[in-house]
Amino acid sequence: MKIGFWRSGEADLRMSGAAWRETMAGRGARRMAGVALALILSIWLPTFNASARADPMALWNIVHGKCVPHMEAGLGPKPCEQVDLDGGVAQGVAILKDLVGVAQMLAIPTRRITGIEDPQMLAPDAPPVFAVAWGAKTLVEARLGRALPREAVGLAINSKWARSQDQLHVHVDCMAVPVVKALTEYASALDGQWRAMTVPLQGRVYFARRVDSKDLADVAPLKLLADGVEGAREHMGAYSLAAVGATFDGKPGFILLADQFSLEAGGHAEDLEDHDCAIAHSTP
């Protein structure tokens, strides 16, 4: 698990139970494993977190205690890069430069939302975190001093069990070069249904689907996960989600990737990103 001071992370066709069980073959009975995992984590994680995690409220304290008050007082967003309060604090999203990485940004709601498991993110009035996060691509590019193709940038939110902060945050950064290459080759096989990929990404088999959207302003990625993958809604905290820029038939879109935490690994979609942004030096 990677831990930094501020880090952790349309109608849809439901995946059939048979498809889900087939893709999970070799990983145990998923439902029983989920119950057992929750029990084990409830015992193990408090001890682990006490020694390994930074202050889990650090992000919230920065955004709620500094960035928002500064904006409301007309003093600018600092220490955040930007704070969008057009819809009020309840709909607001702040962008903060992460301490880790040359250009990594974090998109953080300005109201209290614990993480991917928080039911507020599935409600109709959920703040537009993913849309604002994608807009922060320009801030990543500014740090790098160059524009990036949409396929080179991704958004990631880690699972409850693989994060260090208890305020929802989306990691905005360059994607790892091998991941970009794999997704470019795989994109034509994707449609609007969640399916297990036939190739691993960074050693994990992700579930993937495409989304036809320019900027994620018209879709809710977490709701697509909750509604489209059997059992996800009841166990959102165990899931991690990434949205990677893509182009389908000449039109902009995204590839959504989902992974479930296990005691071995997983639940950390941030692993698909490269905080050194090597791709910025390998693309024309």
C-alpha atoms as a PDB file:
ATOM      1  CA  MET A   1       0.000   0.000   0.000  1.00  0.00           C
ATOM      2  CA  LYS A   2       1.302   3.464  -0.882  1.00  0.00           C
ATOM      3  CA  ILE A   3       0.746   6.063   1.805  1.00  0.00           C
ATOM      4  CA  GLY A   4       1.524   9.769   1.587  1.00  0.00           C
ATOM      5  CA  PHE A   5       0.567  12.577   3.923  1.00  0.00           C
ATOM      6  CA  TRP A   6      -2.475  13.600   1.878  1.00  0.00           C
ATOM      7  CA  ARG A   7      -3.084  10.390  -0.054  1.00  0.00           C
ATOM      8  CA  SER A   8      -4.969   7.246   0.247  1.00  0.00           C
ATOM      9  CA  GLY A   9      -7.153   8.001  -3.835  1.00  0.00           C
ATOM     10  CA  GLU A  10     -27.499   6.995 -18.840  1.00  0.00           C
ATOM     11  CA  ALA A  11     -29.022   3.691 -18.230  1.00  0.00           C
ATOM     12  CA  ASP A  12     -26.552   1.027 -17.461  1.00  0.00           C
ATOM     13  CA  LEU A  13     -26.502  -2.692 -18.137  1.00  0.00           C
ATOM     14  CA  ARG A  14     -26.062  -4.783 -15.022  1.00  0.00           C
ATOM     15  CA  MET A  15     -23.471  -7.522 -15.061  1.00  0.00           C
ATOM     16  CA  SER A  16     -25.116 -10.900 -14.717  1.00  0.00           C
ATOM     17  CA  GLY A  17     -24.484 -12.955 -11.617  1.00  0.00           C
ATOM     18  CA  ALA A  18     -23.104 -15.764 -13.778  1.00  0.00           C
ATOM     19  CA  ALA A  19     -20.591 -13.466 -15.436  1.00  0.00           C
ATOM     20  CA  TRP A  20     -19.531 -12.104 -12.077  1.00  0.00           C
ATOM     21  CA  ARG A  21     -19.014 -15.546 -10.573  1.00  0.00           C
ATOM     22  CA  GLU A  22     -17.123 -16.743 -13.602  1.00  0.00           C
ATOM     23  CA  THR A  23     -14.692 -13.851 -13.546  1.00  0.00           C
ATOM     24  CA  MET A  24     -14.156 -14.274  -9.846  1.00  0.00           C
ATOM     25  CA  ALA A  25     -13.278 -17.982 -10.189  1.00  0.00           C
ATOM     26  CA  GLY A  26     -10.127 -18.798  -8.297  1.00  0.00           C
ATOM     27  CA  ARG A  27     -10.629 -15.958  -5.827  1.00  0.00           C
ATOM     28  CA  GLY A  28     -13.087 -17.744  -3.528  1.00  0.00           C
ATOM     29  CA  ALA A  29     -16.775 -17.292  -2.915  1.00  0.00           C
ATOM     30  CA  ARG A  30     -17.171 -13.540  -3.251  1.00  0.00           C
ATOM     31  CA  ARG A  31     -20.076 -12.993  -0.959  1.00  0.00           C
ATOM     32  CA  MET A  32     -18.664 -15.097   1.884  1.00  0.00           C
ATOM     33  CA  ALA A  33     -15.267 -13.559   1.345  1.00  0.00           C
ATOM     34  CA  GLY A  34     -16.798 -10.101   1.579  1.00  0.00           C
ATOM     35  CA  VAL A  35     -18.342 -10.848   4.950  1.00  0.00           C
ATOM     36  CA  ALA A  36     -15.154 -12.440   6.229  1.00  0.00           C
ATOM     37  CA  LEU A  37     -13.075  -9.570   4.884  1.00  0.00           C
ATOM     38  CA  ALA A  38     -15.221  -6.971   6.619  1.00  0.00           C
ATOM     39  CA  LEU A  39     -14.892  -8.855   9.904  1.00  0.00           C
ATOM     40  CA  ILE A  40     -11.129  -9.218   9.594  1.00  0.00           C
ATOM     41  CA  LEU A  41     -10.658  -5.590   8.602  1.00  0.00           C
ATOM     42  CA  SER A  42     -12.778  -4.368  11.496  1.00  0.00           C
ATOM     43  CA  ILE A  43     -10.312  -6.051  13.833  1.00  0.00           C
ATOM     44  CA  TRP A  44      -7.058  -5.499  11.970  1.00  0.00           C
ATOM     45  CA  LEU A  45      -7.295  -2.032  10.435  1.00  0.00           C
ATOM     46  CA  PRO A  46      -7.695   0.068  13.598  1.00  0.00           C
ATOM     47  CA  THR A  47      -4.373  -1.280  14.860  1.00  0.00           C
ATOM     48  CA  PHE A  48      -2.728  -0.817  11.476  1.00  0.00           C
ATOM     49  CA  ASN A  49      -4.052   2.693  10.972  1.00  0.00           C
ATOM     50  CA  ALA A  50      -2.905   3.913  14.353  1.00  0.00           C
ATOM     51  CA  SER A  51       0.725   3.309  13.444  1.00  0.00           C
ATOM     52  CA  ALA A  52       0.802   3.677   9.648  1.00  0.00           C
ATOM     53  CA  ARG A  53      -1.575   6.474   8.693  1.00  0.00           C
ATOM     54  CA  ALA A  54      -1.082  10.185   8.792  1.00  0.00           C
ATOM     55  CA  ASP A  55      -3.798  12.299  10.395  1.00  0.00           C
ATOM     56  CA  PRO A  56      -6.874  10.988   8.518  1.00  0.00           C
ATOM     57  CA  MET A  57      -8.537  14.401   8.790  1.00  0.00           C
ATOM     58  CA  ALA A  58      -5.641  16.380   7.307  1.00  0.00           C
ATOM     59  CA  LEU A  59      -7.314  16.983   3.948  1.00  0.00           C
ATOM     60  CA  TRP A  60     -10.606  17.990   5.519  1.00  0.00           C
ATOM     61  CA  ASN A  61      -8.878  20.378   7.893  1.00  0.00           C
ATOM     62  CA  ILE A  62      -7.027  22.046   5.024  1.00  0.00           C
ATOM     63  CA  VAL A  63     -10.056  22.444   2.759  1.00  0.00           C
ATOM     64  CA  HIS A  64     -12.658  23.211   5.433  1.00  0.00           C
ATOM     65  CA  GLY A  65     -10.371  25.190   7.725  1.00  0.00           C
ATOM     66  CA  LYS A  66      -8.319  27.172   5.208  1.00  0.00           C
ATOM     67  CA  CYS A  67      -9.252  27.016   1.532  1.00  0.00           C
ATOM     68  CA  VAL A  68     -13.003  27.587   1.905  1.00  0.00           C
ATOM     69  CA  PRO A  69     -12.744  30.375   4.526  1.00  0.00           C
ATOM     70  CA  HIS A  70     -10.120  32.138   2.413  1.00  0.00           C
ATOM     71  CA  MET A  71     -12.363  32.020  -0.656  1.00  0.00           C
ATOM     72  CA  GLU A  72     -15.394  33.215   1.268  1.00  0.00           C
ATOM     73  CA  ALA A  73     -13.351  36.115   2.639  1.00  0.00           C
ATOM     74  CA  GLY A  74     -12.198  37.112  -0.846  1.00  0.00           C
ATOM     75  CA  LEU A  75      -8.601  36.096  -0.167  1.00  0.00           C
ATOM     76  CA  GLY A  76      -8.249  33.487  -2.898  1.00  0.00           C
ATOM     77  CA  PRO A  77      -8.081  29.709  -2.606  1.00  0.00           C
ATOM     78  CA  LYS A  78      -4.715  29.188  -0.942  1.00  0.00           C
ATOM     79  CA  PRO A  79      -3.360  26.751   0.056  1.00  0.00           C
ATOM     80  CA  CYS A  80      -5.597  25.119  -2.555  1.00  0.00           C
ATOM     81  CA  GLU A  81      -5.045  25.686  -6.256  1.00  0.00           C
ATOM     82  CA  GLN A  82      -8.717  26.518  -6.788  1.00  0.00           C
ATOM     83  CA  VAL A  83     -12.035  26.315  -4.965  1.00  0.00           C
ATOM     84  CA  ASP A  84     -15.306  26.189  -6.898  1.00  0.00           C
ATOM     85  CA  LEU A  85     -18.147  27.405  -4.680  1.00  0.00           C
ATOM     86  CA  ASP A  86     -20.583  28.426  -7.429  1.00  0.00           C
ATOM     87  CA  GLY A  87     -23.162  25.999  -6.042  1.00  0.00           C
ATOM     88  CA  GLY A  88     -22.322  26.767  -2.426  1.00  0.00           C
ATOM     89  CA  VAL A  89     -20.302  24.670  -0.011  1.00  0.00           C
ATOM     90  CA  ALA A  90     -22.647  21.701  -0.456  1.00  0.00           C
ATOM     91  CA  GLN A  91     -21.770  21.505  -4.161  1.00  0.00           C
ATOM     92  CA  GLY A  92     -18.258  22.874  -3.937  1.00  0.00           C
ATOM     93  CA  VAL A  93     -15.044  21.134  -4.937  1.00  0.00           C
ATOM     94  CA  ALA A  94     -11.505  22.211  -4.093  1.00  0.00           C
ATOM     95  CA  ILE A  95      -8.339  21.326  -5.981  1.00  0.00           C
ATOM     96  CA  LEU A  96      -5.227  20.848  -3.865  1.00  0.00           C
ATOM     97  CA  LYS A  97      -1.693  20.028  -5.005  1.00  0.00           C
ATOM     98  CA  ASP A  98      -0.675  16.729  -3.430  1.00  0.00           C
ATOM     99  CA  LEU A  99       2.643  16.601  -1.612  1.00  0.00           C
ATOM    100  CA  VAL A 100       3.419  13.461  -3.610  1.00  0.00           C
ATOM    101  CA  GLY A 101       4.300  13.756  -7.286  1.00  0.00           C
ATOM    102  CA  VAL A 102       5.474  16.454  -9.645  1.00  0.00           C
ATOM    103  CA  ALA A 103       1.998  17.444 -10.812  1.00  0.00           C
ATOM    104  CA  GLN A 104      -0.579  15.365  -8.919  1.00  0.00           C
ATOM    105  CA  MET A 105      -3.741  17.184  -7.898  1.00  0.00           C
ATOM    106  CA  LEU A 106      -6.508  16.143  -5.514  1.00  0.00           C
ATOM    107  CA  ALA A 107     -10.171  16.998  -6.090  1.00  0.00           C
ATOM    108  CA  ILE A 108     -11.916  17.285  -2.717  1.00  0.00           C
ATOM    109  CA  PRO A 109     -15.556  18.124  -1.965  1.00  0.00           C
ATOM    110  CA  THR A 110     -16.009  21.115   0.314  1.00  0.00           C
ATOM    111  CA  ARG A 111     -18.717  19.382   2.301  1.00  0.00           C
ATOM    112  CA  ARG A 112     -17.991  16.483   4.624  1.00  0.00           C
ATOM    113  CA  ILE A 113     -17.932  13.237   2.623  1.00  0.00           C
ATOM    114  CA  THR A 114     -15.833  10.423   4.056  1.00  0.00           C
ATOM    115  CA  GLY A 115     -14.970   8.496   0.906  1.00  0.00           C
ATOM    116  CA  ILE A 116     -16.165   6.190  -1.845  1.00  0.00           C
ATOM    117  CA  GLU A 117     -18.431   4.400   0.639  1.00  0.00           C
ATOM    118  CA  ASP A 118     -20.340   7.556   1.624  1.00  0.00           C
ATOM    119  CA  PRO A 119     -23.956   7.293   0.348  1.00  0.00           C
ATOM    120  CA  GLN A 120     -23.937  11.031  -0.362  1.00  0.00           C
ATOM    121  CA  MET A 121     -21.949  10.272  -3.509  1.00  0.00           C
ATOM    122  CA  LEU A 122     -24.816   8.184  -4.884  1.00  0.00           C
ATOM    123  CA  ALA A 123     -27.453  10.833  -4.170  1.00  0.00           C
ATOM    124  CA  PRO A 124     -28.874  13.114  -6.899  1.00  0.00           C
ATOM    125  CA  ASP A 125     -27.262  16.151  -5.259  1.00  0.00           C
ATOM    126  CA  ALA A 126     -23.750  14.677  -5.069  1.00  0.00           C
ATOM    127  CA  PRO A 127     -21.090  17.317  -5.761  1.00  0.00           C
ATOM    128  CA  PRO A 128     -19.527  17.137  -9.263  1.00  0.00           C
ATOM    129  CA  VAL A 129     -16.201  15.846  -7.993  1.00  0.00           C
ATOM    130  CA  PHE A 130     -15.250  13.875 -11.103  1.00  0.00           C
ATOM    131  CA  ALA A 131     -16.122  16.678 -13.520  1.00  0.00           C
ATOM    132  CA  VAL A 132     -14.110  19.208 -11.525  1.00  0.00           C
ATOM    133  CA  ALA A 133     -11.296  16.677 -11.175  1.00  0.00           C
ATOM    134  CA  TRP A 134     -11.122  16.282 -14.942  1.00  0.00           C
ATOM    135  CA  GLY A 135     -11.029  20.047 -15.282  1.00  0.00           C
ATOM    136  CA  ALA A 136      -7.900  19.981 -13.104  1.00  0.00           C
ATOM    137  CA  LYS A 137      -6.103  18.303 -16.023  1.00  0.00           C
ATOM    138  CA  THR A 138      -5.086  21.828 -17.021  1.00  0.00           C
ATOM    139  CA  LEU A 139      -3.413  22.323 -13.636  1.00  0.00           C
ATOM    140  CA  VAL A 140      -1.469  19.087 -14.075  1.00  0.00           C
ATOM    141  CA  GLU A 141      -0.387  20.272 -17.512  1.00  0.00           C
ATOM    142  CA  ALA A 142       0.644  23.655 -16.135  1.00  0.00           C
ATOM    143  CA  ARG A 143       2.925  21.963 -13.616  1.00  0.00           C
ATOM    144  CA  LEU A 144       4.468  19.875 -16.387  1.00  0.00           C
ATOM    145  CA  GLY A 145       4.765  22.795 -18.783  1.00  0.00           C
ATOM    146  CA  ARG A 146       3.070  20.946 -21.641  1.00  0.00           C
ATOM    147  CA  ALA A 147      -0.286  19.704 -22.866  1.00  0.00           C
ATOM    148  CA  LEU A 148      -1.155  16.025 -22.546  1.00  0.00           C
ATOM    149  CA  PRO A 149      -3.451  13.865 -24.668  1.00  0.00           C
ATOM    150  CA  ARG A 150      -6.603  12.900 -22.774  1.00  0.00           C
ATOM    151  CA  GLU A 151      -5.488   9.251 -22.794  1.00  0.00           C
ATOM    152  CA  ALA A 152      -2.470  10.204 -20.666  1.00  0.00           C
ATOM    153  CA  VAL A 153      -4.493  11.530 -17.727  1.00  0.00           C
ATOM    154  CA  GLY A 154      -6.677   9.700 -15.264  1.00  0.00           C
ATOM    155  CA  LEU A 155      -8.709  10.112 -12.103  1.00  0.00           C
ATOM    156  CA  ALA A 156      -8.550   7.598  -9.263  1.00  0.00           C
ATOM    157  CA  ILE A 157     -10.353   7.099  -5.988  1.00  0.00           C
ATOM    158  CA  ASN A 158      -9.089   4.422  -3.614  1.00  0.00           C
ATOM    159  CA  SER A 159     -11.117   2.032  -1.497  1.00  0.00           C
ATOM    160  CA  LYS A 160     -11.882   2.636   2.153  1.00  0.00           C
ATOM    161  CA  TRP A 161      -9.288   0.032   3.083  1.00  0.00           C
ATOM    162  CA  ALA A 162      -6.482   1.437   0.925  1.00  0.00           C
ATOM    163  CA  ARG A 163      -6.431   5.124   1.735  1.00  0.00           C
ATOM    164  CA  SER A 164      -4.907   7.340   4.389  1.00  0.00           C
ATOM    165  CA  GLN A 165      -7.524  10.111   4.430  1.00  0.00           C
ATOM    166  CA  ASP A 166     -11.144  10.100   5.562  1.00  0.00           C
ATOM    167  CA  GLN A 167     -12.294  12.941   3.334  1.00  0.00           C
ATOM    168  CA  LEU A 168     -13.190  11.879  -0.180  1.00  0.00           C
ATOM    169  CA  HIS A 169     -10.546  12.839  -2.702  1.00  0.00           C
ATOM    170  CA  VAL A 170      -9.886  11.985  -6.332  1.00  0.00           C
ATOM    171  CA  HIS A 171      -6.288  11.680  -7.514  1.00  0.00           C
ATOM    172  CA  VAL A 172      -5.693  13.559 -10.776  1.00  0.00           C
ATOM    173  CA  ASP A 173      -2.442  12.687 -12.494  1.00  0.00           C
ATOM    174  CA  CYS A 174      -0.604  11.126 -15.402  1.00  0.00           C
ATOM    175  CA  MET A 175      -1.297   7.496 -16.128  1.00  0.00           C
ATOM    176  CA  ALA A 176       1.502   4.927 -16.089  1.00  0.00           C
ATOM    177  CA  VAL A 177       2.885   4.334 -19.593  1.00  0.00           C
ATOM    178  CA  PRO A 178       2.155   0.564 -19.626  1.00  0.00           C
ATOM    179  CA  VAL A 179      -1.435   1.254 -18.561  1.00  0.00           C
ATOM    180  CA  VAL A 180      -1.950   3.790 -21.347  1.00  0.00           C
ATOM    181  CA  LYS A 181      -0.584   1.363 -23.926  1.00  0.00           C
ATOM    182  CA  ALA A 182      -2.769  -1.489 -22.661  1.00  0.00           C
ATOM    183  CA  LEU A 183      -5.938   0.627 -22.596  1.00  0.00           C
ATOM    184  CA  THR A 184      -5.271   2.042 -26.066  1.00  0.00           C
ATOM    185  CA  GLU A 185      -5.126  -1.493 -27.451  1.00  0.00           C
ATOM    186  CA  TYR A 186      -8.143  -2.620 -25.422  1.00  0.00           C
ATOM    187  CA  ALA A 187     -10.473   0.330 -25.990  1.00  0.00           C
ATOM    188  CA  SER A 188     -12.231  -1.112 -29.046  1.00  0.00           C
ATOM    189  CA  ALA A 189     -13.425  -4.104 -26.984  1.00  0.00           C
ATOM    190  CA  LEU A 190     -15.312  -1.922 -24.502  1.00  0.00           C
ATOM    191  CA  ASP A 191     -18.968  -0.944 -24.445  1.00  0.00           C
ATOM    192  CA  GLY A 192     -21.449   0.274 -21.832  1.00  0.00           C
ATOM    193  CA  GLN A 193     -21.392  -2.925 -19.797  1.00  0.00           C
ATOM    194  CA  TRP A 194     -18.968  -3.778 -17.022  1.00  0.00           C
ATOM    195  CA  ARG A 195     -16.788  -6.777 -17.881  1.00  0.00           C
ATOM    196  CA  ALA A 196     -13.572  -8.220 -16.522  1.00  0.00           C
ATOM    197  CA  MET A 197     -10.633  -7.290 -18.724  1.00  0.00           C
ATOM    198  CA  THR A 198      -8.718 -10.121 -20.340  1.00  0.00           C
ATOM    199  CA  VAL A 199      -5.404  -8.406 -19.652  1.00  0.00           C
ATOM    200  CA  PRO A 200      -4.124  -7.220 -16.259  1.00  0.00           C
ATOM    201  CA  LEU A 201      -3.242  -3.627 -15.415  1.00  0.00           C
ATOM    202  CA  GLN A 202      -0.334  -3.285 -13.006  1.00  0.00           C
ATOM    203  CA  GLY A 203      -0.852  -6.895 -11.979  1.00  0.00           C
ATOM    204  CA  ARG A 204      -4.602  -6.615 -11.285  1.00  0.00           C
ATOM    205  CA  VAL A 205      -7.594  -7.709 -13.360  1.00  0.00           C
ATOM    206  CA  TYR A 206      -9.949  -4.730 -13.501  1.00  0.00           C
ATOM    207  CA  PHE A 207     -13.561  -4.544 -14.554  1.00  0.00           C
ATOM    208  CA  ALA A 208     -13.955  -2.001 -17.331  1.00  0.00           C
ATOM    209  CA  ARG A 209     -16.566  -0.177 -19.382  1.00  0.00           C
ATOM    210  CA  ARG A 210     -16.668   2.854 -21.644  1.00  0.00           C
ATOM    211  CA  VAL A 211     -18.477   6.129 -21.065  1.00  0.00           C
ATOM    212  CA  ASP A 212     -19.257   8.529 -23.888  1.00  0.00           C
ATOM    213  CA  SER A 213     -18.691  11.875 -22.222  1.00  0.00           C
ATOM    214  CA  LYS A 214     -16.413  14.798 -22.923  1.00  0.00           C
ATOM    215  CA  ASP A 215     -15.810  15.833 -19.323  1.00  0.00           C
ATOM    216  CA  LEU A 216     -17.870  13.626 -16.946  1.00  0.00           C
ATOM    217  CA  ALA A 217     -20.240  16.518 -16.257  1.00  0.00           C
ATOM    218  CA  ASP A 218     -23.171  14.444 -17.517  1.00  0.00           C
ATOM    219  CA  VAL A 219     -22.424  11.101 -15.818  1.00  0.00           C
ATOM    220  CA  ALA A 220     -21.929   9.829 -12.273  1.00  0.00           C
ATOM    221  CA  PRO A 221     -19.068   7.290 -12.305  1.00  0.00           C
ATOM    222  CA  LEU A 222     -19.691   6.001  -8.787  1.00  0.00           C
ATOM    223  CA  LYS A 223     -23.381   5.450  -9.512  1.00  0.00           C
ATOM    224  CA  LEU A 224     -22.450   3.524 -12.653  1.00  0.00           C
ATOM    225  CA  LEU A 225     -20.295   1.288 -10.475  1.00  0.00           C
ATOM    226  CA  ALA A 226     -22.975   0.855  -7.813  1.00  0.00           C
ATOM    227  CA  ASP A 227     -25.698   0.085 -10.364  1.00  0.00           C
ATOM    228  CA  GLY A 228     -23.648  -1.958 -12.804  1.00  0.00           C
ATOM    229  CA  VAL A 229     -21.539  -4.390 -10.788  1.00  0.00           C
ATOM    230  CA  GLU A 230     -23.431  -6.929  -8.725  1.00  0.00           C
ATOM    231  CA  GLY A 231     -22.904  -6.390  -5.006  1.00  0.00           C
ATOM    232  CA  ALA A 232     -21.000  -3.124  -5.394  1.00  0.00           C
ATOM    233  CA  ARG A 233     -23.721  -0.877  -3.972  1.00  0.00           C
ATOM    234  CA  GLU A 234     -23.755  -2.858  -0.715  1.00  0.00           C
ATOM    235  CA  HIS A 235     -19.949  -2.855  -0.447  1.00  0.00           C
ATOM    236  CA  MET A 236     -18.822   0.417  -2.041  1.00  0.00           C
ATOM    237  CA  GLY A 237     -16.087   0.873   0.541  1.00  0.00           C
ATOM    238  CA  ALA A 238     -14.277  -2.183  -0.797  1.00  0.00           C
ATOM    239  CA  TYR A 239     -14.103  -0.792  -4.331  1.00  0.00           C
ATOM    240  CA  SER A 240     -11.681   1.490  -6.083  1.00  0.00           C
ATOM    241  CA  LEU A 241     -12.495   3.359  -9.281  1.00  0.00           C
ATOM    242  CA  ALA A 242     -10.507   5.046 -12.024  1.00  0.00           C
ATOM    243  CA  ALA A 243     -11.665   7.146 -14.971  1.00  0.00           C
ATOM    244  CA  VAL A 244      -9.129   7.409 -17.781  1.00  0.00           C
ATOM    245  CA  GLY A 245      -9.456   9.731 -20.738  1.00  0.00           C
ATOM    246  CA  ALA A 246     -10.152   7.958 -24.027  1.00  0.00           C
ATOM    247  CA  THR A 247     -11.315   8.492 -27.599  1.00  0.00           C
ATOM    248  CA  PHE A 248     -13.961   6.281 -29.200  1.00  0.00           C
ATOM    249  CA  ASP A 249     -14.600   6.583 -32.943  1.00  0.00           C
ATOM    250  CA  GLY A 250     -13.057  10.026 -32.916  1.00  0.00           C
ATOM    251  CA  LYS A 251     -15.202  11.246 -30.027  1.00  0.00           C
ATOM    252  CA  PRO A 252     -14.043  11.954 -26.449  1.00  0.00           C
ATOM    253  CA  GLY A 253     -14.923   9.524 -23.710  1.00  0.00           C
ATOM    254  CA  PHE A 254     -13.593   7.708 -20.692  1.00  0.00           C
ATOM    255  CA  ILE A 255     -12.688   4.207 -19.654  1.00  0.00           C
ATOM    256  CA  LEU A 256     -13.977   3.380 -16.182  1.00  0.00           C
ATOM    257  CA  LEU A 257     -11.996   0.788 -14.238  1.00  0.00           C
ATOM    258  CA  ALA A 258     -13.095  -0.882 -11.007  1.00  0.00           C
ATOM    259  CA  ASP A 259     -11.218  -3.137  -8.618  1.00  0.00           C
ATOM    260  CA  GLN A 260     -12.163  -4.694  -5.291  1.00  0.00           C
ATOM    261  CA  PHE A 261      -9.922  -4.763  -2.248  1.00  0.00           C
ATOM    262  CA  SER A 262      -8.654  -8.086  -0.979  1.00  0.00           C
ATOM    263  CA  LEU A 263      -6.199  -8.953   1.776  1.00  0.00           C
ATOM    264  CA  GLU A 264      -3.606  -9.687  -0.905  1.00  0.00           C
ATOM    265  CA  ALA A 265      -3.903  -6.411  -2.806  1.00  0.00           C
ATOM    266  CA  GLY A 266      -6.298  -4.291  -4.804  1.00  0.00           C
ATOM    267  CA  GLY A 267      -8.706  -1.492  -4.045  1.00  0.00           C
ATOM    268  CA  HIS A 268      -6.018   1.041  -4.930  1.00  0.00           C
ATOM    269  CA  ALA A 269      -6.689   2.368  -8.434  1.00  0.00           C
ATOM    270  CA  GLU A 270      -4.112   5.062  -7.797  1.00  0.00           C
ATOM    271  CA  ASP A 271      -1.559   2.357  -8.687  1.00  0.00           C
ATOM    272  CA  LEU A 272      -2.544   2.903 -12.315  1.00  0.00           C
ATOM    273  CA  GLU A 273      -1.172   6.436 -12.170  1.00  0.00           C
ATOM    274  CA  ASP A 274       2.440   7.537 -12.382  1.00  0.00           C
ATOM    275  CA  HIS A 275       3.215  10.391 -10.029  1.00  0.00           C
ATOM    276  CA  ASP A 276       6.539  10.976 -11.808  1.00  0.00           C
ATOM    277  CA  CYS A 277       4.630  11.566 -15.063  1.00  0.00           C
ATOM    278  CA  ALA A 278       7.046   9.695 -17.301  1.00  0.00           C
ATOM    279  CA  ILE A 279       4.475   9.827 -20.091  1.00  0.00           C
ATOM    280  CA  ALA A 280       4.942  13.596 -20.277  1.00  0.00           C
ATOM    281  CA  HIS A 281       8.418  12.926 -21.649  1.00  0.00           C
ATOM    282  CA  SER A 282       7.451  10.065 -23.956  1.00  0.00           C
ATOM    283  CA  THR A 283       4.572  11.588 -25.926  1.00  0.00           C
ATOM    284  CA  PRO A 284       5.036  14.082 -28.796  1.00  0.00           C
END
